[in-house]
Amino acid sequence: MEQNDRTLTRPILEMVTIASEFCNFLEDASNLNQHSFFKSLQGLVPLLYLRGSLLPVIEPEYPEANERYVTEEQYEGLFMSLRELTGELDEFWFVDHSGSQITETVKGSISEHLADVYQDLKDFVMLYKKNALAARENAVASCRELFSDHWGQRLANLIAVVHELQSDVNPDSKGDILFED
């Protein structure tokens, strides 16, 4: 690797690290109870948003080297697993700012939001880990673009939901009020 490789900067390496941790966390989430899952999300979601916002602009020299890895079956499997874990807490309301100037309140799904973010970040991590500069450039460029257009807003929605869920926990009950064990 040459020293001027702009895909090996600290912000990018930190993004790869936290994205990889996030993907592994979601893949193993079925081993957690609901309370532990949401408590972990409380730290992961804002950190991931911060790292995504710090990604530099990179124009890939070979845009044809961009690839996607997560299949529809993998997405659906993760979504269903997360939906089972989140249970009755899965649905939430949020203000949708996309599209025109008109905003509306719509029902969202924690598991769908997480699966959407997972898909973009797993693709990023898989492409970045290929031993080729063109792959890393495409991974960073795609991740930054998808942060602006897609998964950044998903995380912003989740920050509010997870905060509300964690704030509603009664300190005397040690988290037993809202969460299923």
Protein backbone atom coordinates (compact mmCIF):
# COMPACT_ATOMS: atom_id res chain seq x y z
CA MET A 1 0.00 0.00 0.00
CA GLU A 2 1.34 3.39 -0.88
CA GLN A 3 1.58 6.10 1.76
CA ASN A 4 -0.67 8.48 -0.19
CA ASP A 5 -3.59 6.04 -0.21
CA ARG A 6 -6.51 8.30 0.75
CA THR A 7 -8.63 5.25 1.62
CA LEU A 8 -6.43 4.48 4.63
CA THR A 9 -7.04 7.66 6.64
CA ARG A 10 -8.08 7.58 10.27
CA PRO A 11 -11.74 8.62 9.69
CA ILE A 12 -12.17 5.87 7.10
CA LEU A 13 -10.48 3.18 9.18
CA GLU A 14 -12.59 4.15 12.19
CA MET A 15 -15.72 3.96 10.03
CA VAL A 16 -14.76 0.49 8.80
CA THR A 17 -14.17 -0.61 12.39
CA ILE A 18 -17.47 0.65 13.82
CA ALA A 19 -19.44 -0.49 10.74
CA SER A 20 -17.97 -3.96 11.12
CA GLU A 21 -18.81 -4.01 14.85
CA PHE A 22 -22.35 -2.84 14.11
CA CYS A 23 -22.88 -5.57 11.50
CA ASN A 24 -21.49 -8.24 13.82
CA PHE A 25 -23.68 -6.95 16.64
CA LEU A 26 -26.84 -7.23 14.51
CA GLU A 27 -25.85 -10.66 13.21
CA ASP A 28 -25.47 -11.89 16.82
CA ALA A 29 -28.40 -9.89 18.29
CA SER A 30 -30.64 -12.96 18.64
CA ASN A 31 -28.35 -14.03 21.52
CA LEU A 32 -29.28 -10.91 23.52
CA ASN A 33 -32.31 -10.04 25.57
CA GLN A 34 -34.33 -7.02 24.52
CA HIS A 35 -32.98 -4.74 27.25
CA SER A 36 -29.32 -5.48 26.42
CA PHE A 37 -30.04 -5.03 22.73
CA PHE A 38 -31.52 -1.55 23.14
CA LYS A 39 -28.87 -0.53 25.67
CA SER A 40 -26.16 -1.43 23.15
CA LEU A 41 -27.98 0.43 20.36
CA GLN A 42 -27.99 3.53 22.54
CA GLY A 43 -24.22 3.78 22.12
CA LEU A 44 -23.78 2.25 18.67
CA VAL A 45 -26.33 4.28 16.71
CA PRO A 46 -24.99 7.78 17.54
CA LEU A 47 -21.39 6.61 17.11
CA LEU A 48 -22.19 5.20 13.70
CA TYR A 49 -23.94 8.43 12.71
CA LEU A 50 -20.92 10.47 13.80
CA ARG A 51 -18.47 8.25 11.88
CA GLY A 52 -20.64 8.40 8.77
CA SER A 53 -20.76 12.19 8.92
CA LEU A 54 -16.95 12.35 9.00
CA LEU A 55 -16.33 10.31 5.85
CA PRO A 56 -14.31 12.29 3.29
CA VAL A 57 -15.35 12.81 -0.31
CA ILE A 58 -13.57 10.36 -2.58
CA GLU A 59 -14.14 10.14 -6.32
CA PRO A 60 -13.39 6.56 -7.39
CA GLU A 61 -11.10 6.26 -10.38
CA TYR A 62 -12.91 3.08 -11.49
CA PRO A 63 -16.61 3.34 -10.51
CA GLU A 64 -17.30 0.04 -12.25
CA ALA A 65 -15.49 -1.67 -9.37
CA ASN A 66 -18.44 -0.97 -7.06
CA GLU A 67 -20.24 -4.09 -5.81
CA ARG A 68 -23.13 -5.06 -3.53
CA TYR A 69 -23.02 -8.18 -1.38
CA VAL A 70 -26.05 -8.48 0.89
CA THR A 71 -28.73 -10.61 -0.75
CA GLU A 72 -32.47 -10.18 -0.34
CA GLU A 73 -32.56 -13.44 1.62
CA GLN A 74 -29.87 -12.21 4.04
CA TYR A 75 -31.73 -8.92 4.48
CA GLU A 76 -35.04 -10.69 5.15
CA GLY A 77 -33.44 -13.13 7.60
CA LEU A 78 -31.88 -10.31 9.61
CA PHE A 79 -35.07 -8.25 9.48
CA MET A 80 -37.18 -11.14 10.82
CA SER A 81 -34.67 -11.91 13.56
CA LEU A 82 -34.60 -8.27 14.67
CA ARG A 83 -38.38 -7.99 14.51
CA GLU A 84 -38.71 -11.01 16.79
CA LEU A 85 -36.25 -9.45 19.25
CA THR A 86 -37.83 -5.98 19.28
CA GLY A 87 -41.34 -7.40 19.66
CA GLU A 88 -44.06 -4.89 20.43
CA LEU A 89 -41.46 -2.11 20.64
CA ASP A 90 -40.62 -2.44 16.93
CA GLU A 91 -43.03 0.15 15.55
CA PHE A 92 -42.61 3.89 16.05
CA TRP A 93 -43.78 7.15 14.51
CA PHE A 94 -41.44 9.63 12.85
CA VAL A 95 -41.63 12.69 10.64
CA ASP A 96 -40.68 11.88 7.06
CA HIS A 97 -38.81 14.79 5.49
CA SER A 98 -38.00 13.04 2.21
CA GLY A 99 -39.43 14.06 -1.12
CA SER A 100 -41.23 17.37 -1.37
CA GLN A 101 -41.43 20.19 1.13
CA ILE A 102 -44.47 18.56 2.73
CA THR A 103 -43.62 16.50 5.78
CA GLU A 104 -45.80 13.79 7.20
CA THR A 105 -45.80 11.51 10.20
CA VAL A 106 -45.38 7.87 9.22
CA LYS A 107 -45.08 4.58 11.06
CA GLY A 108 -41.60 3.07 11.03
CA SER A 109 -40.02 -0.16 12.13
CA ILE A 110 -36.87 -0.37 14.23
CA SER A 111 -35.99 -3.71 12.66
CA GLU A 112 -36.49 -2.38 9.11
CA HIS A 113 -34.38 0.71 9.84
CA LEU A 114 -31.62 -1.44 11.30
CA ALA A 115 -31.74 -3.93 8.43
CA ASP A 116 -31.52 -1.05 5.92
CA VAL A 117 -28.45 0.38 7.67
CA TYR A 118 -26.95 -3.09 7.95
CA GLN A 119 -27.33 -3.73 4.22
CA ASP A 120 -25.46 -0.54 3.26
CA LEU A 121 -22.75 -0.99 5.88
CA LYS A 122 -22.18 -4.70 5.29
CA ASP A 123 -21.74 -3.95 1.59
CA PHE A 124 -19.30 -1.16 2.54
CA VAL A 125 -17.25 -3.40 4.83
CA MET A 126 -17.14 -6.31 2.38
CA LEU A 127 -16.06 -4.10 -0.53
CA TYR A 128 -13.56 -2.15 1.56
CA LYS A 129 -11.84 -5.35 2.72
CA LYS A 130 -11.04 -6.40 -0.84
CA ASN A 131 -7.34 -6.01 -1.49
CA ALA A 132 -7.70 -3.36 -4.20
CA LEU A 133 -7.55 0.43 -4.15
CA ALA A 134 -10.45 0.70 -6.63
CA ALA A 135 -12.65 -1.39 -4.32
CA ARG A 136 -11.80 0.73 -1.27
CA GLU A 137 -12.41 3.97 -3.19
CA ASN A 138 -15.81 2.71 -4.32
CA ALA A 139 -16.66 1.47 -0.85
CA VAL A 140 -15.97 4.87 0.72
CA ALA A 141 -17.67 6.85 -2.04
CA SER A 142 -20.76 4.64 -1.92
CA CYS A 143 -20.91 4.65 1.87
CA ARG A 144 -20.72 8.45 1.98
CA GLU A 145 -23.40 8.83 -0.69
CA LEU A 146 -25.70 6.31 0.98
CA PHE A 147 -25.16 8.05 4.34
CA SER A 148 -26.44 11.30 2.83
CA ASP A 149 -29.30 9.69 0.92
CA HIS A 150 -30.37 6.77 3.09
CA TRP A 151 -28.83 5.32 6.21
CA GLY A 152 -27.91 8.59 7.94
CA GLN A 153 -31.58 9.53 8.19
CA ARG A 154 -32.43 6.01 9.35
CA LEU A 155 -29.92 6.38 12.18
CA ALA A 156 -31.23 9.85 13.05
CA ASN A 157 -34.72 8.37 13.41
CA LEU A 158 -33.38 5.53 15.55
CA ILE A 159 -31.45 7.85 17.89
CA ALA A 160 -34.72 9.44 19.01
CA VAL A 161 -36.53 6.10 19.39
CA VAL A 162 -33.76 4.38 21.33
CA HIS A 163 -33.34 7.45 23.53
CA GLU A 164 -37.05 7.42 24.34
CA LEU A 165 -37.03 3.69 25.11
CA GLN A 166 -34.00 4.02 27.39
CA SER A 167 -35.43 7.12 29.11
CA ASP A 168 -38.69 5.31 29.89
CA VAL A 169 -36.94 2.58 31.86
CA ASN A 170 -37.91 2.81 35.52
CA PRO A 171 -34.65 2.89 37.54
CA ASP A 172 -36.23 0.85 40.36
CA SER A 173 -37.15 -1.99 38.01
CA LYS A 174 -33.69 -2.34 36.43
CA GLY A 175 -35.21 -2.19 32.94
CA ASP A 176 -38.01 -4.71 33.48
CA ILE A 177 -40.88 -2.28 32.74
CA LEU A 178 -40.45 -1.95 28.96
CA PHE A 179 -38.27 -4.85 28.03
CA GLU A 180 -38.85 -8.54 27.70
CA ASP A 181 -36.07 -10.77 29.02
